[in-house]
Protein backbone atom coordinates (compact mmCIF):
# COMPACT_ATOMS: atom_id res chain seq x y z
CA MET A 1 57.31 -74.54 25.04
CA GLU A 2 60.21 -72.79 23.81
CA ASP A 3 59.25 -69.33 24.62
CA SER A 4 58.71 -70.43 28.24
CA LYS A 5 62.10 -71.48 28.60
CA ARG A 6 63.66 -68.31 26.98
CA ARG A 7 61.35 -66.70 29.72
CA PRO A 8 63.75 -64.21 32.10
CA LYS A 9 63.97 -65.23 34.98
CA LEU A 10 65.37 -63.80 38.50
CA PRO A 11 68.35 -64.78 40.12
CA MET A 12 67.06 -66.70 43.38
CA LYS A 13 70.55 -67.40 44.72
CA GLN A 14 72.03 -64.35 44.44
CA ILE A 15 68.86 -62.15 45.45
CA LEU A 16 68.92 -65.29 48.81
CA THR A 17 72.57 -63.81 49.32
CA LEU A 18 72.38 -60.56 49.21
CA ALA A 19 68.95 -60.64 51.11
CA ILE A 20 71.14 -62.12 54.20
CA CYS A 21 73.52 -59.24 53.97
CA ARG A 22 70.90 -56.80 53.81
CA ILE A 23 69.07 -58.42 57.14
CA ALA A 24 70.69 -57.03 59.95
CA GLU A 25 70.67 -53.41 58.82
CA PRO A 26 67.06 -53.38 59.65
CA ILE A 27 66.49 -54.98 62.56
CA ALA A 28 69.58 -53.54 63.97
CA LEU A 29 67.32 -50.20 62.63
CA THR A 30 64.16 -51.05 63.97
CA SER A 31 65.41 -53.13 67.45
CA VAL A 32 65.93 -49.81 69.05
CA PHE A 33 62.16 -48.69 68.28
CA PRO A 34 60.73 -50.37 71.70
CA TYR A 35 63.22 -49.26 74.07
CA LEU A 36 64.91 -45.48 72.28
CA PRO A 37 62.41 -44.04 74.85
CA GLU A 38 62.89 -45.31 77.88
CA MET A 39 67.07 -45.10 77.22
CA ILE A 40 67.09 -41.41 76.65
CA GLU A 41 64.54 -41.23 80.03
CA SER A 42 67.28 -43.49 81.69
CA PHE A 43 69.83 -40.22 80.66
CA ASN A 44 68.21 -38.52 83.27
CA VAL A 45 66.01 -36.27 80.31
CA PRO A 46 62.56 -35.35 81.27
CA LYS A 47 59.63 -36.80 79.73
CA ASN A 48 58.20 -33.77 78.10
CA ASN A 49 61.63 -33.84 76.49
CA VAL A 50 62.08 -37.12 75.38
CA ALA A 51 60.56 -37.15 71.56
CA LYS A 52 63.17 -33.68 71.44
CA TRP A 53 65.86 -35.65 71.79
CA ALA A 54 65.10 -39.18 69.85
CA GLY A 55 64.04 -36.76 66.68
CA ILE A 56 67.60 -34.76 67.56
CA ALA A 57 69.09 -39.04 67.57
CA SER A 58 67.69 -39.90 64.46
CA ALA A 59 68.44 -36.40 62.59
CA SER A 60 71.83 -37.39 63.79
CA PHE A 61 71.27 -40.69 61.71
CA SER A 62 69.99 -39.68 58.66
CA LEU A 63 72.38 -36.49 58.42
CA SER A 64 75.61 -38.33 58.72
CA GLN A 65 73.83 -41.01 55.98
CA ALA A 66 72.97 -37.86 53.80
CA VAL A 67 76.92 -37.08 53.51
CA THR A 68 78.53 -40.43 52.94
CA GLY A 69 75.68 -41.61 50.98
CA ILE A 70 76.97 -40.54 47.69
CA LEU A 71 80.23 -41.88 48.54
CA TRP A 72 79.13 -44.73 49.28
CA GLY A 73 77.73 -44.89 45.52
CA ARG A 74 80.58 -43.38 44.24
CA ALA A 75 82.87 -46.08 45.56
CA SER A 76 80.53 -48.37 44.50
CA ASP A 77 80.42 -47.78 40.53
CA ARG A 78 84.81 -47.32 41.40
CA TRP A 79 86.21 -50.53 43.32
CA GLY A 80 82.94 -52.60 42.82
CA ARG A 81 79.22 -53.32 44.51
CA LYS A 82 80.42 -56.33 46.45
CA PRO A 83 83.20 -54.82 48.90
CA THR A 84 81.48 -51.65 49.10
CA ILE A 85 78.85 -54.26 50.74
CA LEU A 86 80.69 -55.99 53.13
CA LEU A 87 82.82 -52.86 54.21
CA ALA A 88 79.61 -51.12 55.29
CA VAL A 89 78.07 -54.35 56.87
CA ILE A 90 81.28 -54.52 59.08
CA CYS A 91 80.98 -50.30 60.40
CA ALA A 92 77.12 -51.06 60.98
CA MET A 93 78.05 -54.07 63.32
CA PHE A 94 80.60 -51.95 64.89
CA SER A 95 78.52 -48.70 65.38
CA SER A 96 75.18 -50.84 66.44
CA LEU A 97 77.65 -52.05 69.14
CA LEU A 98 78.95 -48.52 70.56
CA PHE A 99 74.97 -47.93 70.75
CA GLY A 100 74.25 -50.57 72.87
CA PHE A 101 77.41 -49.68 74.92
CA SER A 102 76.13 -46.02 75.13
CA ASN A 103 75.91 -44.81 78.90
CA SER A 104 74.98 -41.12 77.69
CA LEU A 105 73.17 -39.39 75.69
CA ALA A 106 75.80 -37.45 74.02
CA MET A 107 77.43 -40.93 73.19
CA ALA A 108 74.15 -42.63 72.08
CA ILE A 109 74.13 -39.05 69.61
CA VAL A 110 77.94 -39.72 67.82
CA ALA A 111 76.43 -43.59 68.25
CA ARG A 112 73.42 -43.19 65.73
CA SER A 113 76.08 -40.50 64.11
CA LEU A 114 78.36 -43.01 62.87
CA ALA A 115 75.79 -45.77 62.23
CA GLY A 116 74.13 -43.61 59.57
CA ALA A 117 77.30 -42.57 57.83
CA THR A 118 78.27 -46.53 58.04
CA ASN A 119 74.82 -46.78 56.22
CA GLY A 120 74.90 -45.17 53.05
CA ASN A 121 74.60 -48.26 51.05
CA VAL A 122 70.98 -48.72 50.79
CA GLY A 123 71.28 -47.34 47.35
CA THR A 124 74.09 -49.87 46.52
CA TYR A 125 71.63 -53.04 47.46
CA ARG A 126 69.25 -51.31 45.09
CA THR A 127 71.96 -50.68 42.20
CA VAL A 128 72.46 -54.21 42.31
CA VAL A 129 68.72 -55.63 41.57
CA ALA A 130 68.62 -53.65 39.16
CA GLU A 131 71.67 -54.62 37.28
CA MET A 132 70.80 -58.13 37.93
CA ILE A 133 67.28 -57.57 36.67
CA PRO A 134 67.16 -55.23 34.10
CA GLU A 135 63.50 -56.93 32.63
CA LYS A 136 60.64 -54.72 33.34
CA GLU A 137 58.25 -57.56 33.46
CA LEU A 138 60.44 -58.70 36.53
CA GLN A 139 61.01 -55.58 38.53
CA PRO A 140 57.77 -55.34 40.44
CA ARG A 141 58.86 -58.69 42.07
CA ALA A 142 62.18 -57.85 41.86
CA PHE A 143 61.98 -54.72 43.54
CA SER A 144 60.02 -55.86 46.00
CA ILE A 145 62.49 -58.24 47.37
CA MET A 146 64.61 -55.67 49.23
CA PRO A 147 62.08 -53.84 50.79
CA LEU A 148 60.44 -57.50 51.90
CA VAL A 149 63.62 -58.52 53.66
CA PHE A 150 63.37 -55.08 55.45
CA THR A 151 59.87 -55.76 56.54
CA MET A 152 60.86 -59.33 58.06
CA GLY A 153 63.99 -56.83 60.05
CA SER A 154 60.87 -55.10 60.88
CA ILE A 155 58.90 -57.84 62.16
CA PHE A 156 61.94 -59.22 64.28
CA GLY A 157 64.08 -56.05 65.05
CA PRO A 158 61.37 -55.09 67.58
CA ALA A 159 60.78 -58.28 69.32
CA LEU A 160 64.81 -58.67 68.93
CA GLY A 161 64.69 -54.87 71.00
CA GLY A 162 61.87 -55.60 73.61
CA ALA A 163 63.00 -58.85 74.62
CA LEU A 164 66.65 -58.22 75.46
CA ALA A 165 66.61 -54.84 76.25
CA ASN A 166 67.71 -53.86 79.99
CA PRO A 167 67.85 -57.63 80.48
CA ALA A 168 68.84 -57.07 84.43
CA ALA A 169 65.46 -55.47 85.49
CA ASN A 170 63.26 -57.48 82.86
CA TYR A 171 64.69 -60.75 83.80
CA PRO A 172 66.04 -60.79 87.58
CA SER A 173 66.12 -64.64 87.56
CA ILE A 174 68.54 -64.82 85.00
CA PHE A 175 70.57 -61.77 84.33
CA GLY A 176 69.82 -59.86 88.25
CA ASN A 177 72.97 -60.27 89.85
CA SER A 178 74.69 -59.08 86.68
CA ALA A 179 77.29 -55.99 87.11
CA PHE A 180 77.52 -56.24 83.14
CA PHE A 181 74.04 -55.37 82.20
CA LYS A 182 72.91 -53.47 85.32
CA ARG A 183 76.14 -51.18 83.73
CA TYR A 184 74.80 -51.51 80.25
CA PRO A 185 70.89 -51.99 80.24
CA TYR A 186 70.94 -52.13 76.42
CA ALA A 187 73.91 -53.84 75.20
CA LEU A 188 72.34 -57.41 74.99
CA PRO A 189 70.35 -56.64 71.87
CA ASN A 190 73.11 -55.17 70.02
CA ILE A 191 75.55 -58.01 71.04
CA ALA A 192 72.79 -60.26 69.07
CA LEU A 193 72.91 -58.26 66.15
CA SER A 194 76.57 -58.62 66.28
CA VAL A 195 76.26 -62.27 65.33
CA ILE A 196 73.35 -61.80 62.47
CA PHE A 197 75.82 -59.01 61.08
CA MET A 198 78.60 -62.02 61.22
CA ILE A 199 76.22 -64.61 58.88
CA GLY A 200 75.82 -61.81 56.76
CA LEU A 201 79.69 -60.89 56.03
CA THR A 202 80.17 -64.30 55.83
CA THR A 203 77.52 -65.25 53.41
CA GLY A 204 78.49 -62.29 51.19
CA THR A 205 82.12 -62.67 51.63
CA LEU A 206 81.73 -66.67 50.20
CA PHE A 207 78.57 -66.49 47.87
CA LEU A 208 77.75 -62.61 46.61
CA LYS A 209 78.59 -62.14 43.37
CA GLU A 210 79.85 -58.89 41.61
CA SER A 211 78.19 -56.70 39.26
CA LEU A 212 79.03 -53.92 37.77
CA GLU A 213 79.98 -54.58 35.08
CA SER A 214 83.79 -53.73 35.16
CA LYS A 215 84.55 -55.85 37.97
CA LYS A 216 82.25 -58.87 37.37
CA HIS A 217 84.93 -60.67 35.62
CA ASN A 218 87.85 -60.52 38.03
CA ARG A 219 88.83 -63.47 40.10
CA ASP A 220 86.61 -63.17 43.25
CA TYR A 221 88.88 -65.23 45.75
CA GLY A 222 85.86 -65.36 48.45
CA ARG A 223 83.86 -67.03 45.67
CA VAL A 224 86.37 -69.31 45.00
CA LEU A 225 86.68 -70.28 48.91
CA GLY A 226 83.03 -70.78 49.37
CA ARG A 227 82.65 -72.40 46.24
CA SER A 228 85.43 -74.94 48.07
CA LEU A 229 83.82 -75.05 50.99
CA VAL A 230 80.98 -76.26 49.28
CA GLN A 231 82.53 -79.26 47.17
CA ALA A 232 84.30 -80.10 50.39
CA PHE A 233 81.21 -80.35 52.45
CA GLY A 234 79.41 -82.19 49.47
CA ARG A 235 82.09 -85.10 49.38
CA ALA A 236 82.10 -84.94 52.97
CA LYS A 237 78.41 -85.88 52.65
CA SER A 238 79.36 -88.81 49.70
CA LYS A 239 78.37 -92.44 50.88
CA VAL A 240 80.94 -93.61 48.18
CA MET A 241 84.84 -91.91 47.93
CA ARG A 242 85.95 -91.72 44.61
CA HIS A 243 89.63 -92.80 43.78
CA ALA A 244 92.21 -89.63 43.19
CA ASP A 245 92.29 -90.88 39.15
CA SER A 246 89.04 -90.61 38.72
CA GLU A 247 88.71 -86.72 40.73
CA THR A 248 91.21 -85.33 38.43
CA THR A 249 89.61 -86.93 35.16
CA PRO A 250 86.96 -84.21 34.72
CA LEU A 251 90.08 -81.35 35.08
CA LEU A 252 91.45 -83.08 31.79
CA LYS A 253 88.63 -82.84 29.84
CA ASN A 254 86.81 -79.70 30.33
CA SER A 255 88.93 -76.94 31.65
CA ARG A 256 85.54 -75.31 33.06
CA SER A 257 86.19 -77.90 36.32
CA SER A 258 89.43 -76.15 36.66
CA LEU A 259 87.44 -72.66 37.08
CA SER A 260 84.35 -73.87 39.02
CA THR A 261 86.92 -75.65 41.49
CA GLY A 262 89.59 -72.53 41.87
CA GLY A 263 92.66 -74.33 39.97
CA CYS A 264 95.39 -72.56 39.42
CA ASP A 265 94.12 -72.75 35.55
CA ASP A 266 91.57 -69.37 36.65
CA MET A 267 94.87 -67.46 37.54
CA THR A 268 95.94 -66.80 34.88
CA GLN A 269 92.38 -66.89 32.54
CA SER A 270 92.34 -63.61 30.69
CA HIS A 271 88.98 -61.72 30.34
CA PRO A 272 89.37 -58.18 28.53
CA GLN A 273 90.93 -55.65 30.17
CA THR A 274 88.05 -52.70 31.08
CA LYS A 275 88.49 -49.06 30.09
CA ARG A 276 87.76 -47.10 33.19
CA GLU A 277 84.55 -44.97 32.35
CA SER A 278 84.50 -41.18 33.60
CA PRO A 279 81.93 -40.30 36.24
CA PRO A 280 78.40 -39.43 35.39
CA THR A 281 77.97 -35.91 34.94
CA TYR A 282 75.28 -33.55 36.63
CA ARG A 283 73.33 -33.63 33.00
CA GLU A 284 73.08 -37.40 33.03
CA LEU A 285 72.21 -37.57 36.42
CA PHE A 286 70.21 -34.93 36.92
CA THR A 287 67.05 -35.14 34.27
CA ARG A 288 63.32 -34.22 34.71
CA GLN A 289 61.89 -37.87 35.59
CA THR A 290 64.96 -38.47 37.88
CA SER A 291 64.66 -34.91 39.75
CA LEU A 292 61.30 -35.28 40.27
CA ASN A 293 61.27 -38.78 41.39
CA LEU A 294 64.01 -37.50 43.60
CA ILE A 295 62.36 -34.73 45.57
CA ALA A 296 58.94 -37.23 45.63
CA TYR A 297 61.11 -39.78 47.51
CA THR A 298 62.80 -37.30 49.99
CA PHE A 299 59.32 -36.14 50.73
CA LEU A 300 58.47 -39.94 51.25
CA ALA A 301 61.70 -41.14 53.11
CA LEU A 302 60.80 -37.45 55.71
CA HIS A 303 57.08 -38.55 56.18
CA ALA A 304 56.95 -42.08 57.03
CA VAL A 305 60.26 -42.65 58.96
CA ALA A 306 59.10 -39.25 60.91
CA TYR A 307 56.38 -41.43 61.32
CA ASP A 308 58.29 -44.93 62.66
CA GLN A 309 60.34 -42.89 65.21
CA LEU A 310 57.08 -41.00 66.58
CA LEU A 311 55.20 -43.80 67.42
CA PRO A 312 57.12 -45.83 69.89
CA ILE A 313 57.54 -42.25 71.79
CA PHE A 314 53.65 -42.07 71.42
CA LEU A 315 53.01 -45.71 72.33
CA HIS A 316 55.11 -44.99 75.67
CA TYR A 317 54.29 -41.52 76.67
CA PRO A 318 51.97 -41.73 79.76
CA PRO A 319 47.69 -41.32 78.95
CA GLN A 320 46.24 -38.16 80.28
CA GLU A 321 44.13 -38.66 83.54
CA ASN A 322 40.58 -37.35 84.44
CA ARG A 323 39.87 -36.24 80.50
CA SER A 324 36.60 -36.03 80.69
CA SER A 325 36.63 -33.77 83.90
CA ASN A 326 39.90 -31.97 82.95
CA PRO A 327 39.42 -28.13 82.01
CA ASN A 328 43.02 -27.92 79.95
CA VAL A 329 40.84 -30.68 77.17
CA HIS A 330 38.28 -29.46 74.54
CA LEU A 331 37.49 -31.64 71.97
CA PRO A 332 37.68 -32.43 69.31
CA PHE A 333 41.56 -31.00 69.21
CA LYS A 334 42.61 -30.42 72.37
CA PHE A 335 43.94 -33.35 74.23
CA SER A 336 47.01 -35.06 75.07
CA GLY A 337 48.42 -38.08 76.82
CA GLY A 338 50.09 -41.46 75.28
CA PHE A 339 49.10 -45.40 76.26
CA GLY A 340 51.62 -45.50 78.53
CA LEU A 341 52.79 -49.04 76.92
CA ASN A 342 55.86 -50.66 78.01
CA ALA A 343 59.00 -52.09 75.78
CA GLU A 344 57.92 -54.58 75.79
CA ARG A 345 54.37 -54.28 74.35
CA ILE A 346 55.52 -51.74 72.24
CA GLY A 347 57.64 -54.77 70.25
CA LEU A 348 54.65 -57.11 70.20
CA ILE A 349 53.17 -54.63 67.81
CA TYR A 350 55.71 -53.62 65.98
CA ALA A 351 56.04 -57.28 65.34
CA LEU A 352 52.61 -57.93 64.41
CA TYR A 353 52.51 -54.72 62.24
CA GLY A 354 56.13 -56.20 60.07
CA ILE A 355 53.80 -60.06 60.02
CA CYS A 356 51.17 -57.62 58.00
CA GLY A 357 53.30 -55.75 55.85
CA MET A 358 55.52 -58.65 54.62
CA SER A 359 52.55 -60.95 53.54
CA ILE A 360 51.12 -57.47 51.71
CA GLN A 361 54.37 -57.12 50.29
CA PHE A 362 55.00 -60.63 49.28
CA LEU A 363 51.75 -61.88 47.92
CA ILE A 364 49.67 -58.26 46.88
CA PHE A 365 52.25 -55.81 46.17
CA PRO A 366 53.49 -57.78 42.60
CA ALA A 367 50.21 -58.66 40.94
CA VAL A 368 48.71 -54.95 42.06
CA ALA A 369 51.72 -53.37 40.81
CA ARG A 370 51.69 -55.49 37.48
CA ARG A 371 47.82 -55.01 36.81
CA PHE A 372 47.50 -51.76 37.56
CA GLY A 373 50.97 -50.28 37.20
CA VAL A 374 54.01 -49.08 39.25
CA LEU A 375 52.83 -45.32 38.59
CA ASN A 376 49.13 -45.65 39.64
CA SER A 377 50.38 -48.11 42.59
CA LEU A 378 52.16 -45.38 43.61
CA LYS A 379 49.72 -42.51 43.37
CA LEU A 380 46.83 -44.33 46.22
CA THR A 381 50.27 -44.32 48.26
CA CYS A 382 49.79 -40.37 48.45
CA VAL A 383 46.04 -40.78 48.92
CA LEU A 384 46.63 -43.18 52.44
CA PHE A 385 49.30 -41.71 53.94
CA PRO A 386 47.48 -38.27 54.95
CA ILE A 387 44.40 -40.26 55.72
CA SER A 388 46.42 -42.14 58.22
CA TYR A 389 48.56 -39.49 59.80
CA LEU A 390 45.16 -37.49 60.62
CA LEU A 391 43.69 -40.19 62.23
CA THR A 392 46.43 -41.30 64.58
CA PRO A 393 46.03 -39.35 67.40
CA PHE A 394 42.50 -39.51 67.99
CA SER A 395 43.03 -43.36 69.11
CA VAL A 396 43.84 -41.96 72.63
CA LEU A 397 39.97 -40.95 72.86
CA LEU A 398 38.94 -44.37 73.00
CA PRO A 399 37.22 -45.53 76.20
CA THR A 400 39.50 -48.47 77.15
CA PRO A 401 43.57 -49.53 76.64
CA LEU A 402 42.39 -52.69 74.44
CA THR A 403 39.68 -50.69 71.74
CA GLN A 404 42.76 -47.99 71.93
CA GLN A 405 45.53 -50.74 71.10
CA ILE A 406 43.28 -52.51 68.45
CA VAL A 407 42.54 -49.02 66.60
CA ILE A 408 45.93 -47.97 66.52
CA PHE A 409 46.65 -50.80 64.91
CA LEU A 410 44.31 -51.54 62.22
CA ILE A 411 45.27 -47.07 61.15
CA LEU A 412 48.74 -48.88 61.17
CA LEU A 413 48.20 -51.73 58.80
CA LEU A 414 46.64 -48.69 56.68
CA LYS A 415 49.51 -46.73 56.71
CA CYS A 416 51.49 -49.92 56.12
CA TRP A 417 49.48 -51.00 53.06
CA ALA A 418 50.82 -47.43 51.99
CA VAL A 419 54.76 -47.35 52.86
CA ILE A 420 54.98 -51.35 51.53
CA PHE A 421 53.65 -49.79 47.92
CA ALA A 422 55.19 -46.86 48.09
CA PHE A 423 59.18 -47.74 48.48
CA PRO A 424 59.25 -50.34 45.97
CA CYS A 425 57.26 -48.25 43.21
CA MET A 426 59.64 -44.97 44.36
CA GLY A 427 62.59 -47.27 43.51
CA ILE A 428 61.08 -48.96 40.32
CA LEU A 429 60.56 -45.58 39.34
CA LEU A 430 63.74 -43.62 40.42
CA THR A 431 65.57 -46.79 38.48
CA ASN A 432 63.71 -46.43 35.05
CA SER A 433 64.32 -42.29 35.18
CA ALA A 434 68.74 -42.90 34.94
CA VAL A 435 69.92 -42.30 31.20
CA SER A 436 72.37 -45.04 32.02
CA LEU A 437 73.26 -48.35 34.01
CA ARG A 438 76.50 -46.30 34.08
CA VAL A 439 75.03 -44.13 36.20
CA LEU A 440 72.71 -46.19 38.52
CA GLY A 441 75.10 -46.79 41.64
CA THR A 442 75.75 -42.88 41.74
CA LEU A 443 72.23 -41.55 41.47
CA ASN A 444 71.28 -44.46 43.75
CA GLY A 445 73.61 -43.07 45.75
CA VAL A 446 72.56 -39.48 45.09
CA ALA A 447 69.16 -41.12 46.19
CA THR A 448 70.30 -42.00 49.48
CA SER A 449 71.88 -38.58 50.24
CA ILE A 450 69.25 -36.51 49.57
CA SER A 451 66.08 -38.84 51.35
CA ALA A 452 68.77 -39.11 54.34
CA VAL A 453 68.08 -35.03 54.10
CA GLY A 454 63.99 -35.54 54.46
CA ARG A 455 64.90 -38.51 56.75
CA ALA A 456 66.74 -35.85 59.29
CA ILE A 457 64.25 -33.34 59.15
CA GLY A 458 61.31 -35.36 59.25
CA PRO A 459 62.11 -36.86 63.06
CA ALA A 460 63.66 -33.76 64.29
CA ILE A 461 60.01 -31.60 63.45
CA GLU A 462 58.30 -34.27 64.72
CA GLY A 463 60.10 -34.11 67.82
CA TRP A 464 59.94 -30.59 68.04
CA THR A 465 56.26 -30.37 67.44
CA PHE A 466 56.23 -33.66 70.04
CA SER A 467 57.13 -31.56 72.54
CA VAL A 468 55.56 -28.26 71.97
CA GLY A 469 52.23 -29.93 71.38
CA LEU A 470 52.06 -31.68 75.03
CA ASN A 471 53.24 -28.60 76.79
CA HIS A 472 50.58 -26.41 74.87
CA GLY A 473 47.49 -29.70 75.38
CA TYR A 474 47.89 -30.39 71.51
CA VAL A 475 49.10 -33.84 70.86
CA ILE A 476 47.25 -33.51 67.22
CA LEU A 477 50.05 -31.38 66.57
CA PRO A 478 52.48 -33.33 65.01
CA TRP A 479 50.14 -35.66 63.11
CA TRP A 480 48.87 -33.08 61.52
CA THR A 481 51.63 -31.42 60.36
CA LEU A 482 52.92 -35.12 58.92
CA SER A 483 49.72 -35.17 57.45
CA ALA A 484 50.30 -31.83 55.68
CA ILE A 485 53.81 -32.69 54.43
CA ALA A 486 52.40 -35.89 52.97
CA ALA A 487 49.53 -33.88 51.30
CA LEU A 488 52.71 -31.44 50.06
CA GLY A 489 55.02 -34.30 48.96
CA ALA A 490 52.46 -35.63 46.60
CA ILE A 491 52.20 -33.18 44.22
CA PRO A 492 55.46 -34.10 42.37
CA VAL A 493 53.99 -37.98 41.90
CA TRP A 494 51.37 -36.41 39.30
CA TYR A 495 54.08 -35.10 36.79
CA LEU A 496 56.28 -38.52 37.47
CA VAL A 497 56.11 -40.36 33.95
CA GLU A 498 57.02 -44.44 33.67
CA MET A 499 59.61 -44.95 32.50
CA GLU A 500 60.44 -47.93 29.90
CA GLY A 501 63.62 -49.11 32.32
CA PHE A 502 66.54 -51.35 30.68
CA ALA A 503 66.34 -54.78 29.07
CA THR A 504 69.13 -57.74 28.23
CA ASP A 505 69.04 -60.93 26.14
CA ASP A 506 66.16 -62.72 26.72
CA ASN A 507 68.26 -65.89 26.45
CA ALA A 508 71.03 -64.21 29.34
CA ASP A 509 70.49 -66.53 32.40
CA PRO A 510 71.73 -64.43 35.26
CA GLU A 511 72.41 -67.59 37.29
CA ASN A 512 75.35 -68.59 35.04
CA ASP A 513 77.02 -65.72 34.83
CA ASP A 514 79.57 -66.35 36.60
CA PRO A 515 83.35 -65.60 36.08
CA VAL A 516 84.79 -68.60 38.69
CA THR A 517 82.47 -70.77 36.88
CA SER A 518 82.13 -69.44 33.24
CA GLU A 519 84.61 -69.59 30.17
CA SER A 520 84.39 -65.89 28.57
CA ARG A 521 81.63 -65.86 25.87
CA PRO A 522 82.48 -62.95 22.87
CA ASP A 523 78.83 -63.30 21.25
CA THR A 524 77.40 -62.97 24.15
CA ASN A 525 78.95 -60.06 25.82
CA GLU A 526 78.92 -58.36 22.68
CA ALA A 527 75.24 -58.95 21.76
CA GLU A 528 74.58 -57.75 25.39
CA GLY A 529 76.91 -54.80 24.87
CA GLN A 530 75.19 -53.85 21.37
CA SER A 531 71.86 -54.01 23.75
CA ARG A 532 72.67 -51.76 26.33
CA ALA A 533 74.46 -49.30 23.60
CA ILE A 534 71.14 -49.19 22.05
CA ALA A 535 68.93 -48.85 25.50
CA ILE A 536 71.63 -45.84 26.45
CA GLN A 537 71.12 -43.88 22.90
CA ARG A 538 67.01 -44.53 22.81
CA ARG A 539 66.93 -43.10 26.25
CA HIS A 540 69.40 -40.00 25.44
CA SER A 541 66.49 -39.14 22.80
CA GLU A 542 64.10 -39.20 24.89
CA PHE A 543 66.00 -36.55 26.91
CA ASN A 544 65.94 -34.44 23.83
CA GLY A 545 62.67 -34.83 22.76
CA PHE A 546 61.92 -37.20 21.00
CA ALA A 547 60.81 -40.71 21.22
CA THR A 548 60.09 -43.86 19.15
CA ASP A 549 56.78 -45.22 16.81
CA GLU A 550 55.78 -48.61 16.63
CA SER A 551 58.63 -49.09 13.89
CA GLY A 552 61.11 -48.13 16.36
CA MET A 553 61.60 -44.27 14.22
CA LEU A 554 62.29 -41.59 16.23
CA VAL A 555 59.40 -38.51 16.30
CA GLN A 556 58.67 -35.60 17.99
CA PRO A 557 56.39 -36.30 21.27
CA GLY A 558 53.24 -34.07 20.58
CA SER A 559 52.96 -34.98 16.75
CA VAL A 560 50.49 -37.31 15.80
CA ASN A 561 50.72 -41.02 17.15
CA ALA A 562 53.74 -40.27 18.68
CA VAL A 563 53.83 -42.79 21.93
CA GLU A 564 54.76 -42.53 24.77
CA SER A 565 56.28 -45.63 25.87
CA PRO A 566 59.49 -45.82 23.37
CA LEU A 567 60.46 -48.84 21.70
CA ALA A 568 63.68 -50.77 20.46
CA MET A 569 65.30 -48.04 18.50
CA HIS A 570 67.07 -49.33 15.49
CA PHE A 571 69.70 -48.53 12.91
CA SER A 572 68.38 -48.93 9.33
CA SER A 573 69.33 -45.36 8.05
CA PRO A 574 72.62 -43.44 9.33
CA MET A 575 70.60 -40.93 11.69
CA GLY A 576 67.81 -43.31 12.24
CA ILE A 577 65.11 -40.01 13.07
CA ARG A 578 62.26 -38.69 11.65
CA ARG A 579 59.71 -37.07 12.19
CA ARG A 580 55.33 -38.31 11.33
CA GLU A 581 53.68 -35.87 9.47
CA THR A 582 50.73 -34.46 10.96
CA SER A 583 47.88 -34.62 9.17
């Protein structure tokens, strides 16, 4: 019974707050998928060049993200995770509005570039999760939450974009006489998005905790206001009003109450001054395992995002007529055409795809990752990606539109299974490959930037190959190119090692680690700092060619009985290092 009370648990309140801050960004990203081909066509772009310009728009987003990703990571390491997240939310909201009011192709590309530059905080979210939940047994569930939020956004986003795009044409009885929506046909989805962004901004300001160690004890005026508002609403709902003297009694009995109510004592409470740490070095960031993780993550982002960007164009492109009697068709490889679906139908397919993805992420992924391991789960996805890409173009050869849509949805489910497992697994492996918690913000910023290069290259290549393939009658060209890239990107995965990660005191309660409501606890902080120091020194010893044996002593890997998964290091001797004798 005592062990169950001491088991680490997820800080669900903070995770929910972080999810509300995060949800608007995937909605903004995926809401453009259904109407992006129509939007580009409205700029008088020929149908055969729509894919190329859609790829350029996506590439501009990712290139801007690559340029600013490291800057966002550095900013979060210096100024804190919370202010970085909130600033990014504000910038993303304005860039989405600018995209919705675009009336030319150049303006749309500039807006997508700005959106990419302000969307470099994906690594910051991952860092916050890693800092809140360092326990390895909780990581499969914890690291699936932000991708789950993305999946939920991918459900609502395409449905929102498909339903609200071009309202004057789709809902003439309501918006048919609106000159505003005739001039800006794609503004309505982004206006609705701004409301969601404001909800995330308000929630984060009032309730999100700072997770950066050097900033987490600073006074947070936003959370003080949030606590006051919660207490004010609680008092308003109370049936019995308290007397003024009874309300002040807890303040006299317990100084903690003054902290929870945001009293003046909180202004004067001192916390130990944290010495500013030097920025992490390249040697700390780019270890062998970290570099392999970054390469694999870049390839994953390249082909997974390119597929998601290209599929709506494929679904929207008109079908090839008279394929059976067309002299330019030579099955099974030479054929052309798409599905000819409108934005509303594409939005429905993506919404169903997102619902299935959310179910897989929430119900299946944590159990499978715990049962078979994160690395083994990632290796399985490396097989599924090329297969799903190879099968995609052949779905248009089926005889009826209904069978075509059923089969493409089944292929989407196969790809969905792979992508739902791949990104959380990569996040866990990348986080656990870091040499210390100190470098996580910068490391995830580097991962965002480097993977953004892949997300820029992928859509650009696929948009170009789609246009070339259509011009020559080979619609399989972009999909088989993706399959080859996915197979190439799987190679580094087989060289990855599942590292131990970071652990904290099992008695620590993440929900109560609150600078607004908690008194300083020197003994707990000292124990936590010692635990982290041990973890950092242990991890440095791994990269210097040592591992630990069952007793915690260091041995050389490759010697007899050397273990792959290091245990907690101890300091029973001045050096704490010995080599195990070989027989």
